[in-house]
PDB file of N, CA and C in Angstrom:
ATOM      1  N   MET A   1       0.808  -1.200   0.005  1.00  0.00           N
ATOM      2  CA  MET A   1      -0.005   0.012  -0.005  1.00  0.00           C
ATOM      3  C   MET A   1       0.872   1.245   0.001  1.00  0.00           C
ATOM      4  N   ARG A   2       1.918   1.244   0.800  1.00  0.00           N
ATOM      5  CA  ARG A   2       2.805   2.411   0.885  1.00  0.00           C
ATOM      6  C   ARG A   2       3.512   2.655  -0.423  1.00  0.00           C
ATOM      7  N   SER A   3       3.962   1.619  -1.106  1.00  0.00           N
ATOM      8  CA  SER A   3       4.649   1.812  -2.403  1.00  0.00           C
ATOM      9  C   SER A   3       3.704   2.378  -3.455  1.00  0.00           C
ATOM     10  N   HIS A   4       2.425   2.010  -3.412  1.00  0.00           N
ATOM     11  CA  HIS A   4       1.460   2.578  -4.351  1.00  0.00           C
ATOM     12  C   HIS A   4       1.262   4.057  -4.091  1.00  0.00           C
ATOM     13  N   LEU A   5       1.219   4.445  -2.806  1.00  0.00           N
ATOM     14  CA  LEU A   5       1.045   5.830  -2.434  1.00  0.00           C
ATOM     15  C   LEU A   5       2.224   6.667  -2.864  1.00  0.00           C
ATOM     16  N   VAL A   6       3.444   6.182  -2.600  1.00  0.00           N
ATOM     17  CA  VAL A   6       4.627   6.894  -2.994  1.00  0.00           C
ATOM     18  C   VAL A   6       4.729   7.017  -4.514  1.00  0.00           C
ATOM     19  N   GLY A   7       4.423   5.926  -5.211  1.00  0.00           N
ATOM     20  CA  GLY A   7       4.442   5.958  -6.664  1.00  0.00           C
ATOM     21  C   GLY A   7       3.442   6.958  -7.202  1.00  0.00           C
ATOM     22  N   GLY A   8       2.290   7.020  -6.623  1.00  0.00           N
ATOM     23  CA  GLY A   8       1.268   7.978  -7.038  1.00  0.00           C
ATOM     24  C   GLY A   8       1.708   9.396  -6.813  1.00  0.00           C
ATOM     25  N   LEU A   9       2.354   9.664  -5.687  1.00  0.00           N
ATOM     26  CA  LEU A   9       2.866  10.979  -5.398  1.00  0.00           C
ATOM     27  C   LEU A   9       3.962  11.390  -6.358  1.00  0.00           C
ATOM     28  N   VAL A  10       4.839  10.463  -6.698  1.00  0.00           N
ATOM     29  CA  VAL A  10       5.926  10.741  -7.639  1.00  0.00           C
ATOM     30  C   VAL A  10       5.319  11.078  -9.028  1.00  0.00           C
ATOM     31  N   ALA A  11       4.329  10.273  -9.455  1.00  0.00           N
ATOM     32  CA  ALA A  11       3.671  10.511 -10.720  1.00  0.00           C
ATOM     33  C   ALA A  11       2.988  11.873 -10.739  1.00  0.00           C
ATOM     34  N   ALA A  12       2.301  12.200  -9.643  1.00  0.00           N
ATOM     35  CA  ALA A  12       1.611  13.505  -9.570  1.00  0.00           C
ATOM     36  C   ALA A  12       2.612  14.633  -9.622  1.00  0.00           C
ATOM     37  N   GLY A  13       3.746  14.470  -8.896  1.00  0.00           N
ATOM     38  CA  GLY A  13       4.789  15.500  -8.927  1.00  0.00           C
ATOM     39  C   GLY A  13       5.358  15.709 -10.309  1.00  0.00           C
ATOM     40  N   ALA A  14       5.587  14.607 -11.007  1.00  0.00           N
ATOM     41  CA  ALA A  14       6.115  14.691 -12.369  1.00  0.00           C
ATOM     42  C   ALA A  14       5.138  15.395 -13.292  1.00  0.00           C
ATOM     43  N   ALA A  15       3.854  15.095 -13.140  1.00  0.00           N
ATOM     44  CA  ALA A  15       2.849  15.746 -13.965  1.00  0.00           C
ATOM     45  C   ALA A  15       2.790  17.208 -13.680  1.00  0.00           C
ATOM     46  N   LEU A  16       2.903  17.619 -12.435  1.00  0.00           N
ATOM     47  CA  LEU A  16       2.885  19.034 -12.086  1.00  0.00           C
ATOM     48  C   LEU A  16       4.103  19.749 -12.652  1.00  0.00           C
ATOM     49  N   CYS A  17       5.245  19.102 -12.586  1.00  0.00           N
ATOM     50  CA  CYS A  17       6.457  19.706 -13.153  1.00  0.00           C
ATOM     51  C   CYS A  17       6.318  19.844 -14.642  1.00  0.00           C
ATOM     52  N   GLY A  18       5.743  18.871 -15.312  1.00  0.00           N
ATOM     53  CA  GLY A  18       5.537  18.963 -16.750  1.00  0.00           C
ATOM     54  C   GLY A  18       4.618  20.114 -17.101  1.00  0.00           C
ATOM     55  N   LEU A  19       3.614  20.384 -16.287  1.00  0.00           N
ATOM     56  CA  LEU A  19       2.704  21.491 -16.576  1.00  0.00           C
ATOM     57  C   LEU A  19       3.411  22.844 -16.341  1.00  0.00           C
ATOM     58  N   ALA A  20       4.334  22.873 -15.397  1.00  0.00           N
ATOM     59  CA  ALA A  20       4.987  24.115 -15.057  1.00  0.00           C
ATOM     60  C   ALA A  20       6.127  24.431 -16.041  1.00  0.00           C
ATOM     61  N   ALA A  21       6.652  23.459 -16.746  1.00  0.00           N
ATOM     62  CA  ALA A  21       7.775  23.710 -17.674  1.00  0.00           C
ATOM     63  C   ALA A  21       7.291  24.556 -18.833  1.00  0.00           C
ATOM     64  N   SER A  22       8.130  25.484 -19.269  1.00  0.00           N
ATOM     65  CA  SER A  22       7.762  26.302 -20.425  1.00  0.00           C
ATOM     66  C   SER A  22       8.268  25.668 -21.696  1.00  0.00           C
ATOM     67  N   PRO A  23       7.516  25.765 -22.764  1.00  0.00           N
ATOM     68  CA  PRO A  23       7.932  25.151 -24.029  1.00  0.00           C
ATOM     69  C   PRO A  23       9.100  25.887 -24.648  1.00  0.00           C
ATOM     70  N   ALA A  24       9.887  25.184 -25.465  1.00  0.00           N
ATOM     71  CA  ALA A  24      11.073  25.788 -26.089  1.00  0.00           C
ATOM     72  C   ALA A  24      10.614  26.925 -27.031  1.00  0.00           C
ATOM     73  N   SER A  25       9.429  26.890 -27.538  1.00  0.00           N
ATOM     74  CA  SER A  25       8.963  27.903 -28.488  1.00  0.00           C
ATOM     75  C   SER A  25       8.546  29.210 -27.776  1.00  0.00           C
ATOM     76  N   ALA A  26       8.647  29.286 -26.501  1.00  0.00           N
ATOM     77  CA  ALA A  26       8.236  30.488 -25.770  1.00  0.00           C
ATOM     78  C   ALA A  26       9.369  31.513 -25.691  1.00  0.00           C
ATOM     79  N   TRP A  27      10.079  31.735 -26.763  1.00  0.00           N
ATOM     80  CA  TRP A  27      11.185  32.702 -26.810  1.00  0.00           C
ATOM     81  C   TRP A  27      10.627  34.103 -26.590  1.00  0.00           C
ATOM     82  N   THR A  28      11.254  34.874 -25.732  1.00  0.00           N
ATOM     83  CA  THR A  28      10.791  36.253 -25.470  1.00  0.00           C
ATOM     84  C   THR A  28      11.830  37.271 -25.850  1.00  0.00           C
ATOM     85  N   GLY A  29      12.922  36.873 -26.452  1.00  0.00           N
ATOM     86  CA  GLY A  29      13.985  37.791 -26.844  1.00  0.00           C
ATOM     87  C   GLY A  29      13.777  38.368 -28.269  1.00  0.00           C
ATOM     88  N   SER A  30      14.865  38.734 -28.889  1.00  0.00           N
ATOM     89  CA  SER A  30      14.836  39.332 -30.206  1.00  0.00           C
ATOM     90  C   SER A  30      14.515  38.266 -31.274  1.00  0.00           C
ATOM     91  N   TYR A  31      13.871  38.703 -32.340  1.00  0.00           N
ATOM     92  CA  TYR A  31      13.487  37.775 -33.396  1.00  0.00           C
ATOM     93  C   TYR A  31      13.386  38.532 -34.733  1.00  0.00           C
ATOM     94  N   VAL A  32      13.439  37.765 -35.854  1.00  0.00           N
ATOM     95  CA  VAL A  32      13.350  38.358 -37.177  1.00  0.00           C
ATOM     96  C   VAL A  32      11.901  38.822 -37.407  1.00  0.00           C
ATOM     97  N   SER A  33      11.746  40.064 -37.871  1.00  0.00           N
ATOM     98  CA  SER A  33      10.461  40.625 -38.198  1.00  0.00           C
ATOM     99  C   SER A  33      10.646  41.566 -39.384  1.00  0.00           C
ATOM    100  N   SER A  34      10.395  41.038 -40.588  1.00  0.00           N
ATOM    101  CA  SER A  34      10.633  41.786 -41.815  1.00  0.00           C
ATOM    102  C   SER A  34       9.354  41.951 -42.656  1.00  0.00           C
ATOM    103  N   ASN A  35       9.193  43.113 -43.262  1.00  0.00           N
ATOM    104  CA  ASN A  35       8.064  43.299 -44.175  1.00  0.00           C
ATOM    105  C   ASN A  35       8.069  42.312 -45.317  1.00  0.00           C
ATOM    106  N   SER A  36       9.267  41.842 -45.715  1.00  0.00           N
ATOM    107  CA  SER A  36       9.387  40.890 -46.828  1.00  0.00           C
ATOM    108  C   SER A  36       9.169  39.449 -46.368  1.00  0.00           C
ATOM    109  N   GLY A  37       9.164  39.205 -45.067  1.00  0.00           N
ATOM    110  CA  GLY A  37       8.948  37.850 -44.573  1.00  0.00           C
ATOM    111  C   GLY A  37      10.211  37.119 -44.162  1.00  0.00           C
ATOM    112  N   TYR A  38      11.375  37.752 -44.382  1.00  0.00           N
ATOM    113  CA  TYR A  38      12.634  37.081 -44.025  1.00  0.00           C
ATOM    114  C   TYR A  38      13.746  38.110 -43.874  1.00  0.00           C
ATOM    115  N   ALA A  39      14.866  37.681 -43.327  1.00  0.00           N
ATOM    116  CA  ALA A  39      16.057  38.510 -43.209  1.00  0.00           C
ATOM    117  C   ALA A  39      17.269  37.681 -43.619  1.00  0.00           C
ATOM    118  N   TYR A  40      18.151  38.314 -44.380  1.00  0.00           N
ATOM    119  CA  TYR A  40      19.390  37.628 -44.722  1.00  0.00           C
ATOM    120  C   TYR A  40      20.381  37.778 -43.555  1.00  0.00           C
ATOM    121  N   VAL A  41      21.113  36.701 -43.296  1.00  0.00           N
ATOM    122  CA  VAL A  41      22.248  36.742 -42.353  1.00  0.00           C
ATOM    123  C   VAL A  41      23.482  36.845 -43.242  1.00  0.00           C
ATOM    124  N   ARG A  42      24.284  37.874 -43.035  1.00  0.00           N
ATOM    125  CA  ARG A  42      25.404  38.171 -43.954  1.00  0.00           C
ATOM    126  C   ARG A  42      26.761  38.107 -43.272  1.00  0.00           C
ATOM    127  N   GLY A  43      27.757  37.954 -44.086  1.00  0.00           N
ATOM    128  CA  GLY A  43      29.139  37.813 -43.595  1.00  0.00           C
ATOM    129  C   GLY A  43      29.750  39.154 -43.136  1.00  0.00           C
ATOM    130  N   ALA A  44      29.191  40.258 -43.532  1.00  0.00           N
ATOM    131  CA  ALA A  44      29.675  41.584 -43.125  1.00  0.00           C
ATOM    132  C   ALA A  44      28.507  42.534 -43.048  1.00  0.00           C
ATOM    133  N   ALA A  45      28.716  43.738 -42.558  1.00  0.00           N
ATOM    134  CA  ALA A  45      27.646  44.733 -42.390  1.00  0.00           C
ATOM    135  C   ALA A  45      27.426  45.517 -43.660  1.00  0.00           C
ATOM    136  N   THR A  46      27.138  44.768 -44.749  1.00  0.00           N
ATOM    137  CA  THR A  46      26.871  45.347 -46.042  1.00  0.00           C
ATOM    138  C   THR A  46      26.018  44.407 -46.906  1.00  0.00           C
ATOM    139  N   THR A  47      25.203  44.956 -47.780  1.00  0.00           N
ATOM    140  CA  THR A  47      24.376  44.089 -48.627  1.00  0.00           C
ATOM    141  C   THR A  47      25.189  43.447 -49.721  1.00  0.00           C
ATOM    142  N   ASN A  48      26.445  43.847 -49.925  1.00  0.00           N
ATOM    143  CA  ASN A  48      27.307  43.222 -50.926  1.00  0.00           C
ATOM    144  C   ASN A  48      28.048  42.002 -50.400  1.00  0.00           C
ATOM    145  N   SER A  49      27.919  41.707 -49.114  1.00  0.00           N
ATOM    146  CA  SER A  49      28.665  40.578 -48.519  1.00  0.00           C
ATOM    147  C   SER A  49      27.905  39.261 -48.746  1.00  0.00           C
ATOM    148  N   ALA A  50      28.606  38.183 -48.519  1.00  0.00           N
ATOM    149  CA  ALA A  50      28.037  36.852 -48.687  1.00  0.00           C
ATOM    150  C   ALA A  50      26.826  36.618 -47.823  1.00  0.00           C
ATOM    151  N   ILE A  51      25.841  35.919 -48.384  1.00  0.00           N
ATOM    152  CA  ILE A  51      24.657  35.531 -47.616  1.00  0.00           C
ATOM    153  C   ILE A  51      24.953  34.190 -46.965  1.00  0.00           C
ATOM    154  N   ILE A  52      24.843  34.179 -45.645  1.00  0.00           N
ATOM    155  CA  ILE A  52      25.120  32.971 -44.853  1.00  0.00           C
ATOM    156  C   ILE A  52      23.824  32.178 -44.681  1.00  0.00           C
ATOM    157  N   GLY A  53      22.727  32.892 -44.524  1.00  0.00           N
ATOM    158  CA  GLY A  53      21.445  32.222 -44.344  1.00  0.00           C
ATOM    159  C   GLY A  53      20.273  33.181 -44.624  1.00  0.00           C
ATOM    160  N   LYS A  54      19.102  32.579 -44.751  1.00  0.00           N
ATOM    161  CA  LYS A  54      17.866  33.347 -44.991  1.00  0.00           C
ATOM    162  C   LYS A  54      16.857  32.923 -43.918  1.00  0.00           C
ATOM    163  N   ALA A  55      16.690  33.801 -42.953  1.00  0.00           N
ATOM    164  CA  ALA A  55      15.825  33.472 -41.771  1.00  0.00           C
ATOM    165  C   ALA A  55      14.432  34.025 -41.922  1.00  0.00           C
ATOM    166  N   PRO A  56      13.427  33.187 -41.900  1.00  0.00           N
ATOM    167  CA  PRO A  56      12.040  33.680 -41.960  1.00  0.00           C
ATOM    168  C   PRO A  56      11.604  34.396 -40.672  1.00  0.00           C
ATOM    169  N   ASN A  57      10.560  35.188 -40.819  1.00  0.00           N
ATOM    170  CA  ASN A  57      10.026  35.879 -39.649  1.00  0.00           C
ATOM    171  C   ASN A  57       9.780  34.927 -38.477  1.00  0.00           C
ATOM    172  N   GLY A  58      10.085  35.424 -37.285  1.00  0.00           N
ATOM    173  CA  GLY A  58       9.852  34.646 -36.087  1.00  0.00           C
ATOM    174  C   GLY A  58      11.109  33.878 -35.587  1.00  0.00           C
ATOM    175  N   ARG A  59      12.131  33.787 -36.405  1.00  0.00           N
ATOM    176  CA  ARG A  59      13.350  33.060 -35.980  1.00  0.00           C
ATOM    177  C   ARG A  59      14.062  33.861 -34.890  1.00  0.00           C
ATOM    178  N   MET A  60      14.579  33.155 -33.930  1.00  0.00           N
ATOM    179  CA  MET A  60      15.246  33.770 -32.781  1.00  0.00           C
ATOM    180  C   MET A  60      16.567  34.419 -33.230  1.00  0.00           C
ATOM    181  N   VAL A  61      16.870  35.574 -32.632  1.00  0.00           N
ATOM    182  CA  VAL A  61      18.114  36.301 -32.924  1.00  0.00           C
ATOM    183  C   VAL A  61      18.765  36.601 -31.583  1.00  0.00           C
ATOM    184  N   ASP A  62      19.994  36.059 -31.417  1.00  0.00           N
ATOM    185  CA  ASP A  62      20.761  36.300 -30.204  1.00  0.00           C
ATOM    186  C   ASP A  62      21.857  37.306 -30.584  1.00  0.00           C
ATOM    187  N   MET A  63      21.609  38.575 -30.235  1.00  0.00           N
ATOM    188  CA  MET A  63      22.511  39.657 -30.611  1.00  0.00           C
ATOM    189  C   MET A  63      23.714  39.690 -29.723  1.00  0.00           C
ATOM    190  N   MET A  64      24.923  39.807 -30.329  1.00  0.00           N
ATOM    191  CA  MET A  64      26.174  39.858 -29.574  1.00  0.00           C
ATOM    192  C   MET A  64      26.757  41.256 -29.534  1.00  0.00           C
ATOM    193  N   CYS A  65      26.692  41.984 -30.667  1.00  0.00           N
ATOM    194  CA  CYS A  65      27.222  43.339 -30.737  1.00  0.00           C
ATOM    195  C   CYS A  65      26.629  44.007 -31.986  1.00  0.00           C
ATOM    196  N   TYR A  66      26.914  45.319 -32.120  1.00  0.00           N
ATOM    197  CA  TYR A  66      26.413  46.027 -33.313  1.00  0.00           C
ATOM    198  C   TYR A  66      27.573  46.661 -34.039  1.00  0.00           C
ATOM    199  N   LYS A  67      27.357  46.909 -35.351  1.00  0.00           N
ATOM    200  CA  LYS A  67      28.341  47.619 -36.158  1.00  0.00           C
ATOM    201  C   LYS A  67      27.575  48.567 -37.083  1.00  0.00           C
ATOM    202  N   ASP A  68      28.066  49.788 -37.176  1.00  0.00           N
ATOM    203  CA  ASP A  68      27.485  50.722 -38.119  1.00  0.00           C
ATOM    204  C   ASP A  68      28.234  50.558 -39.429  1.00  0.00           C
ATOM    205  N   GLY A  69      27.515  50.006 -40.427  1.00  0.00           N
ATOM    206  CA  GLY A  69      28.100  49.708 -41.707  1.00  0.00           C
ATOM    207  C   GLY A  69      27.396  50.441 -42.830  1.00  0.00           C
ATOM    208  N   GLN A  70      27.053  49.714 -43.899  1.00  0.00           N
ATOM    209  CA  GLN A  70      26.380  50.283 -45.052  1.00  0.00           C
ATOM    210  C   GLN A  70      24.948  50.670 -44.702  1.00  0.00           C
ATOM    211  N   TRP A  71      24.543  51.861 -45.184  1.00  0.00           N
ATOM    212  CA  TRP A  71      23.173  52.251 -45.101  1.00  0.00           C
ATOM    213  C   TRP A  71      22.334  51.368 -46.035  1.00  0.00           C
ATOM    214  N   ALA A  72      21.225  50.837 -45.509  1.00  0.00           N
ATOM    215  CA  ALA A  72      20.393  49.974 -46.334  1.00  0.00           C
ATOM    216  C   ALA A  72      18.933  50.143 -45.905  1.00  0.00           C
ATOM    217  N   GLN A  73      18.052  49.840 -46.853  1.00  0.00           N
ATOM    218  CA  GLN A  73      16.620  49.855 -46.596  1.00  0.00           C
ATOM    219  C   GLN A  73      16.156  48.466 -46.283  1.00  0.00           C
ATOM    220  N   GLY A  74      15.618  48.289 -45.073  1.00  0.00           N
ATOM    221  CA  GLY A  74      14.949  47.044 -44.696  1.00  0.00           C
ATOM    222  C   GLY A  74      13.514  47.426 -44.410  1.00  0.00           C
ATOM    223  N   ASN A  75      13.099  47.379 -43.157  1.00  0.00           N
ATOM    224  CA  ASN A  75      11.806  47.949 -42.781  1.00  0.00           C
ATOM    225  C   ASN A  75      11.895  49.466 -42.723  1.00  0.00           C
ATOM    226  N   TYR A  76      13.124  49.981 -42.538  1.00  0.00           N
ATOM    227  CA  TYR A  76      13.418  51.399 -42.513  1.00  0.00           C
ATOM    228  C   TYR A  76      14.914  51.591 -42.838  1.00  0.00           C
ATOM    229  N   TRP A  77      15.337  52.819 -43.162  1.00  0.00           N
ATOM    230  CA  TRP A  77      16.752  53.096 -43.486  1.00  0.00           C
ATOM    231  C   TRP A  77      17.572  53.163 -42.190  1.00  0.00           C
ATOM    232  N   THR A  78      18.650  52.473 -42.183  1.00  0.00           N
ATOM    233  CA  THR A  78      19.652  52.588 -41.088  1.00  0.00           C
ATOM    234  C   THR A  78      20.947  52.006 -41.532  1.00  0.00           C
ATOM    235  N   ASN A  79      22.034  52.386 -40.874  1.00  0.00           N
ATOM    236  CA  ASN A  79      23.334  51.753 -41.157  1.00  0.00           C
ATOM    237  C   ASN A  79      23.723  50.807 -40.018  1.00  0.00           C
ATOM    238  N   ARG A  80      22.805  50.539 -39.097  1.00  0.00           N
ATOM    239  CA  ARG A  80      23.100  49.656 -37.972  1.00  0.00           C
ATOM    240  C   ARG A  80      22.859  48.193 -38.353  1.00  0.00           C
ATOM    241  N   TRP A  81      23.844  47.357 -37.986  1.00  0.00           N
ATOM    242  CA  TRP A  81      23.750  45.912 -38.205  1.00  0.00           C
ATOM    243  C   TRP A  81      24.104  45.219 -36.908  1.00  0.00           C
ATOM    244  N   TYR A  82      23.458  44.088 -36.647  1.00  0.00           N
ATOM    245  CA  TYR A  82      23.727  43.327 -35.425  1.00  0.00           C
ATOM    246  C   TYR A  82      24.449  42.048 -35.787  1.00  0.00           C
ATOM    247  N   TYR A  83      25.607  41.851 -35.114  1.00  0.00           N
ATOM    248  CA  TYR A  83      26.316  40.574 -35.257  1.00  0.00           C
ATOM    249  C   TYR A  83      25.614  39.617 -34.296  1.00  0.00           C
ATOM    250  N   SER A  84      25.067  38.550 -34.857  1.00  0.00           N
ATOM    251  CA  SER A  84      24.155  37.733 -34.107  1.00  0.00           C
ATOM    252  C   SER A  84      24.261  36.231 -34.472  1.00  0.00           C
ATOM    253  N   THR A  85      23.757  35.437 -33.557  1.00  0.00           N
ATOM    254  CA  THR A  85      23.472  34.033 -33.842  1.00  0.00           C
ATOM    255  C   THR A  85      21.976  33.974 -34.162  1.00  0.00           C
ATOM    256  N   VAL A  86      21.642  33.416 -35.289  1.00  0.00           N
ATOM    257  CA  VAL A  86      20.250  33.382 -35.763  1.00  0.00           C
ATOM    258  C   VAL A  86      19.823  31.929 -35.908  1.00  0.00           C
ATOM    259  N   GLN A  87      18.654  31.653 -35.410  1.00  0.00           N
ATOM    260  CA  GLN A  87      18.094  30.289 -35.481  1.00  0.00           C
ATOM    261  C   GLN A  87      17.870  29.904 -36.961  1.00  0.00           C
ATOM    262  N   SER A  88      18.422  28.778 -37.338  1.00  0.00           N
ATOM    263  CA  SER A  88      18.311  28.295 -38.734  1.00  0.00           C
ATOM    264  C   SER A  88      17.187  27.292 -38.858  1.00  0.00           C
ATOM    265  N   ASN A  89      17.035  26.755 -40.039  1.00  0.00           N
ATOM    266  CA  ASN A  89      16.028  25.754 -40.311  1.00  0.00           C
ATOM    267  C   ASN A  89      16.488  24.375 -39.859  1.00  0.00           C
ATOM    268  N   GLY A  90      17.793  24.215 -39.698  1.00  0.00           N
ATOM    269  CA  GLY A  90      18.354  22.926 -39.342  1.00  0.00           C
ATOM    270  C   GLY A  90      18.893  22.858 -37.942  1.00  0.00           C
ATOM    271  N   THR A  91      19.899  22.069 -37.770  1.00  0.00           N
ATOM    272  CA  THR A  91      20.495  21.880 -36.425  1.00  0.00           C
ATOM    273  C   THR A  91      21.548  22.931 -36.122  1.00  0.00           C
ATOM    274  N   ASN A  92      22.194  23.481 -37.110  1.00  0.00           N
ATOM    275  CA  ASN A  92      23.233  24.491 -36.870  1.00  0.00           C
ATOM    276  C   ASN A  92      22.657  25.881 -37.088  1.00  0.00           C
ATOM    277  N   ASN A  93      22.982  26.820 -36.212  1.00  0.00           N
ATOM    278  CA  ASN A  93      22.511  28.188 -36.363  1.00  0.00           C
ATOM    279  C   ASN A  93      23.459  28.978 -37.236  1.00  0.00           C
ATOM    280  N   TRP A  94      22.963  30.101 -37.781  1.00  0.00           N
ATOM    281  CA  TRP A  94      23.805  30.967 -38.604  1.00  0.00           C
ATOM    282  C   TRP A  94      24.403  32.038 -37.694  1.00  0.00           C
ATOM    283  N   ILE A  95      25.639  32.405 -37.952  1.00  0.00           N
ATOM    284  CA  ILE A  95      26.306  33.492 -37.218  1.00  0.00           C
ATOM    285  C   ILE A  95      26.764  34.498 -38.248  1.00  0.00           C
ATOM    286  N   GLY A  96      26.282  35.753 -38.110  1.00  0.00           N
ATOM    287  CA  GLY A  96      26.619  36.826 -39.034  1.00  0.00           C
ATOM    288  C   GLY A  96      25.881  38.081 -38.722  1.00  0.00           C
ATOM    289  N   PHE A  97      25.803  38.983 -39.706  1.00  0.00           N
ATOM    290  CA  PHE A  97      25.214  40.306 -39.500  1.00  0.00           C
ATOM    291  C   PHE A  97      23.765  40.335 -40.061  1.00  0.00           C
ATOM    292  N   VAL A  98      22.887  40.902 -39.258  1.00  0.00           N
ATOM    293  CA  VAL A  98      21.493  41.084 -39.657  1.00  0.00           C
ATOM    294  C   VAL A  98      21.187  42.578 -39.600  1.00  0.00           C
ATOM    295  N   HIS A  99      20.548  43.118 -40.635  1.00  0.00           N
ATOM    296  CA  HIS A  99      20.199  44.533 -40.693  1.00  0.00           C
ATOM    297  C   HIS A  99      19.276  44.859 -39.475  1.00  0.00           C
ATOM    298  N   ALA A 100      19.581  45.907 -38.740  1.00  0.00           N
ATOM    299  CA  ALA A 100      18.894  46.249 -37.504  1.00  0.00           C
ATOM    300  C   ALA A 100      17.394  46.433 -37.688  1.00  0.00           C
ATOM    301  N   SER A 101      16.982  46.911 -38.850  1.00  0.00           N
ATOM    302  CA  SER A 101      15.513  47.151 -39.069  1.00  0.00           C
ATOM    303  C   SER A 101      14.716  45.871 -39.152  1.00  0.00           C
ATOM    304  N   LEU A 102      15.394  44.738 -39.279  1.00  0.00           N
ATOM    305  CA  LEU A 102      14.741  43.459 -39.421  1.00  0.00           C
ATOM    306  C   LEU A 102      14.684  42.657 -38.145  1.00  0.00           C
ATOM    307  N   VAL A 103      15.133  43.277 -37.032  1.00  0.00           N
ATOM    308  CA  VAL A 103      15.130  42.585 -35.734  1.00  0.00           C
ATOM    309  C   VAL A 103      14.127  43.265 -34.826  1.00  0.00           C
ATOM    310  N   ALA A 104      13.150  42.480 -34.362  1.00  0.00           N
ATOM    311  CA  ALA A 104      12.153  42.991 -33.409  1.00  0.00           C
ATOM    312  C   ALA A 104      12.624  42.740 -31.988  1.00  0.00           C
ATOM    313  N   LYS A 105      12.273  43.629 -31.090  1.00  0.00           N
ATOM    314  CA  LYS A 105      12.660  43.565 -29.679  1.00  0.00           C
ATOM    315  C   LYS A 105      14.181  43.449 -29.506  1.00  0.00           C
ATOM    316  N   PRO A 106      14.923  44.383 -30.135  1.00  0.00           N
ATOM    317  CA  PRO A 106      16.381  44.300 -29.975  1.00  0.00           C
ATOM    318  C   PRO A 106      16.818  44.556 -28.549  1.00  0.00           C
ATOM    319  N   THR A 107      17.899  43.858 -28.154  1.00  0.00           N
ATOM    320  CA  THR A 107      18.433  44.048 -26.825  1.00  0.00           C
ATOM    321  C   THR A 107      19.622  44.996 -26.906  1.00  0.00           C
ATOM    322  N   ARG A 108      19.989  45.576 -25.795  1.00  0.00           N
ATOM    323  CA  ARG A 108      21.163  46.466 -25.767  1.00  0.00           C
ATOM    324  C   ARG A 108      22.450  45.641 -25.839  1.00  0.00           C
ATOM    325  N   VAL A 109      23.275  45.923 -26.830  1.00  0.00           N
ATOM    326  CA  VAL A 109      24.556  45.230 -27.017  1.00  0.00           C
ATOM    327  C   VAL A 109      25.656  46.274 -27.241  1.00  0.00           C
ATOM    328  N   PRO A 110      26.907  45.888 -26.964  1.00  0.00           N
ATOM    329  CA  PRO A 110      28.035  46.793 -27.180  1.00  0.00           C
ATOM    330  C   PRO A 110      28.406  46.856 -28.665  1.00  0.00           C
ATOM    331  N   PRO A 111      29.241  47.846 -29.047  1.00  0.00           N
ATOM    332  CA  PRO A 111      29.748  47.836 -30.399  1.00  0.00           C
ATOM    333  C   PRO A 111      30.702  46.653 -30.596  1.00  0.00           C
ATOM    334  N   CYS A 112      30.792  46.206 -31.827  1.00  0.00           N
ATOM    335  CA  CYS A 112      31.711  45.086 -32.130  1.00  0.00           C
ATOM    336  C   CYS A 112      33.150  45.534 -32.090  1.00  0.00           C
TER     337      CYS A 112
END
């Protein structure tokens, strides 16, 4: 009888913990938000640099620093670019520059 009671309490505790856990999709930081539906991740703070990845809206952006580079039109004109890790479609994330106008909820970061 005692083992059934303990087992039931353990199962109930596990269920409660499962309900309290937040899902991985509950990201509250910076993310891609572009009028075109995506943002390019680039090798440098310029539109002439290599494209490392193409991140659709909603992808997580972990900003490390900023660089003032080429002026470009995204959602608005700015020369600010964020050096960031961006969530990719696969298992490896992209690391490169994203135009600042394409990042929603940007965090404060130092210059690169």
